[in-house]
Amino acid sequence: MSDVTIMVPHGIVQALRLPPDTIQAALQQELALALYQRGILSSGKACALAWVNRWEWEKLLEARKIPRHYADEDLDQDIAYATGGQ
């Protein structure tokens, strides 16, 4: 699948209460946060979509009070990896 371009009408872009040079990044972050919150994207993929590093992504989630999707099996895998027992 190729990249997807989302068209935002000019009137809506003008109505955004954001500095013009931050609009694209802000919309990317909003989309990433919404898709992650709905469980449509993983944290890593949403982080990439938002064009931020992992630490910035964690700050965004915290600021929006969006719970992390972290299942018990994820914790088990992380513990196994950390202790060398993959």
C-alpha atoms as a PDB file:
ATOM      1  CA  MET A   1       0.000   0.000   0.000  1.00  0.00           C
ATOM      2  CA  SER A   2       1.219   3.487  -0.779  1.00  0.00           C
ATOM      3  CA  ASP A   3       1.170   6.669   1.271  1.00  0.00           C
ATOM      4  CA  VAL A   4      -2.217   8.308   1.803  1.00  0.00           C
ATOM      5  CA  THR A   5      -2.822  12.031   1.568  1.00  0.00           C
ATOM      6  CA  ILE A   6      -5.696  13.478   3.551  1.00  0.00           C
ATOM      7  CA  MET A   7      -7.230  16.603   2.088  1.00  0.00           C
ATOM      8  CA  VAL A   8      -8.223  19.270   4.612  1.00  0.00           C
ATOM      9  CA  PRO A   9     -10.324  22.020   3.039  1.00  0.00           C
ATOM     10  CA  HIS A  10      -8.729  25.466   2.987  1.00  0.00           C
ATOM     11  CA  GLY A  11     -11.515  26.955   5.114  1.00  0.00           C
ATOM     12  CA  ILE A  12     -10.872  24.426   7.865  1.00  0.00           C
ATOM     13  CA  VAL A  13      -7.118  24.990   7.744  1.00  0.00           C
ATOM     14  CA  GLN A  14      -7.730  28.725   8.101  1.00  0.00           C
ATOM     15  CA  ALA A  15     -10.114  28.117  11.026  1.00  0.00           C
ATOM     16  CA  LEU A  16      -7.514  26.164  13.006  1.00  0.00           C
ATOM     17  CA  ARG A  17      -6.240  28.160  15.945  1.00  0.00           C
ATOM     18  CA  LEU A  18      -2.652  27.148  15.309  1.00  0.00           C
ATOM     19  CA  PRO A  19       0.386  28.904  13.898  1.00  0.00           C
ATOM     20  CA  PRO A  20       0.528  28.071  10.164  1.00  0.00           C
ATOM     21  CA  ASP A  21       3.943  26.415  10.437  1.00  0.00           C
ATOM     22  CA  THR A  22       2.666  23.928  13.064  1.00  0.00           C
ATOM     23  CA  ILE A  23      -0.559  22.794  11.386  1.00  0.00           C
ATOM     24  CA  GLN A  24       0.747  19.705   9.593  1.00  0.00           C
ATOM     25  CA  ALA A  25       2.588  18.367  12.646  1.00  0.00           C
ATOM     26  CA  ALA A  26      -0.395  19.072  14.901  1.00  0.00           C
ATOM     27  CA  LEU A  27      -2.789  17.245  12.584  1.00  0.00           C
ATOM     28  CA  GLN A  28      -0.381  14.286  12.323  1.00  0.00           C
ATOM     29  CA  GLN A  29      -0.232  14.103  16.120  1.00  0.00           C
ATOM     30  CA  GLU A  30      -4.007  14.374  16.514  1.00  0.00           C
ATOM     31  CA  LEU A  31      -4.560  11.568  14.028  1.00  0.00           C
ATOM     32  CA  ALA A  32      -1.939   9.366  15.689  1.00  0.00           C
ATOM     33  CA  LEU A  33      -3.393   9.950  19.155  1.00  0.00           C
ATOM     34  CA  ALA A  34      -6.938   9.211  18.005  1.00  0.00           C
ATOM     35  CA  LEU A  35      -5.962   6.012  16.176  1.00  0.00           C
ATOM     36  CA  TYR A  36      -3.895   4.791  19.128  1.00  0.00           C
ATOM     37  CA  GLN A  37      -6.652   5.612  21.609  1.00  0.00           C
ATOM     38  CA  ARG A  38      -9.155   3.597  19.551  1.00  0.00           C
ATOM     39  CA  GLY A  39      -6.749   0.639  19.348  1.00  0.00           C
ATOM     40  CA  ILE A  40      -6.337   0.974  15.583  1.00  0.00           C
ATOM     41  CA  LEU A  41      -2.577   1.621  15.724  1.00  0.00           C
ATOM     42  CA  SER A  42       0.099   0.261  18.011  1.00  0.00           C
ATOM     43  CA  SER A  43       2.076   2.684  20.125  1.00  0.00           C
ATOM     44  CA  GLY A  44       5.163   2.346  17.941  1.00  0.00           C
ATOM     45  CA  LYS A  45       3.283   2.950  14.694  1.00  0.00           C
ATOM     46  CA  ALA A  46       1.316   5.857  16.196  1.00  0.00           C
ATOM     47  CA  CYS A  47       4.580   7.362  17.423  1.00  0.00           C
ATOM     48  CA  ALA A  48       5.953   7.170  13.876  1.00  0.00           C
ATOM     49  CA  LEU A  49       2.762   8.674  12.424  1.00  0.00           C
ATOM     50  CA  ALA A  50       3.005  11.548  14.906  1.00  0.00           C
ATOM     51  CA  TRP A  51       6.611  12.195  13.784  1.00  0.00           C
ATOM     52  CA  VAL A  52       7.875  12.259  17.368  1.00  0.00           C
ATOM     53  CA  ASN A  53      10.385  10.191  19.293  1.00  0.00           C
ATOM     54  CA  ARG A  54       9.315   7.680  21.927  1.00  0.00           C
ATOM     55  CA  TRP A  55       9.764  10.082  24.849  1.00  0.00           C
ATOM     56  CA  GLU A  56       7.718  12.809  23.158  1.00  0.00           C
ATOM     57  CA  TRP A  57       5.012  10.243  22.387  1.00  0.00           C
ATOM     58  CA  GLU A  58       4.834   9.193  26.027  1.00  0.00           C
ATOM     59  CA  LYS A  59       4.503  12.871  27.025  1.00  0.00           C
ATOM     60  CA  LEU A  60       1.643  13.329  24.539  1.00  0.00           C
ATOM     61  CA  LEU A  61      -0.188  10.304  25.948  1.00  0.00           C
ATOM     62  CA  GLU A  62       0.310  11.551  29.480  1.00  0.00           C
ATOM     63  CA  ALA A  63      -0.835  15.088  28.639  1.00  0.00           C
ATOM     64  CA  ARG A  64      -4.029  13.737  27.040  1.00  0.00           C
ATOM     65  CA  LYS A  65      -4.545  11.165  29.788  1.00  0.00           C
ATOM     66  CA  ILE A  66      -4.701   8.403  27.185  1.00  0.00           C
ATOM     67  CA  PRO A  67      -4.094   5.023  28.807  1.00  0.00           C
ATOM     68  CA  ARG A  68      -1.321   2.894  27.363  1.00  0.00           C
ATOM     69  CA  HIS A  69      -2.374  -0.348  25.732  1.00  0.00           C
ATOM     70  CA  TYR A  70      -0.210  -2.815  27.554  1.00  0.00           C
ATOM     71  CA  ALA A  71      -1.449  -6.367  28.086  1.00  0.00           C
ATOM     72  CA  ASP A  72      -0.125  -8.890  30.589  1.00  0.00           C
ATOM     73  CA  GLU A  73       1.494 -10.855  27.766  1.00  0.00           C
ATOM     74  CA  ASP A  74       3.390  -7.704  26.728  1.00  0.00           C
ATOM     75  CA  LEU A  75       4.767  -7.447  30.261  1.00  0.00           C
ATOM     76  CA  ASP A  76       5.709 -11.142  30.248  1.00  0.00           C
ATOM     77  CA  GLN A  77       7.568 -10.685  26.952  1.00  0.00           C
ATOM     78  CA  ASP A  78       9.374  -7.596  28.246  1.00  0.00           C
ATOM     79  CA  ILE A  79      10.416  -9.377  31.437  1.00  0.00           C
ATOM     80  CA  ALA A  80      11.631 -12.406  29.465  1.00  0.00           C
ATOM     81  CA  TYR A  81      13.602 -10.168  27.136  1.00  0.00           C
ATOM     82  CA  ALA A  82      15.113  -8.153  30.005  1.00  0.00           C
ATOM     83  CA  THR A  83      16.192 -11.284  31.840  1.00  0.00           C
ATOM     84  CA  GLY A  84      17.543 -13.002  28.751  1.00  0.00           C
ATOM     85  CA  GLY A  85      14.869 -15.684  28.738  1.00  0.00           C
ATOM     86  CA  GLN A  86      13.215 -14.826  25.428  1.00  0.00           C
END
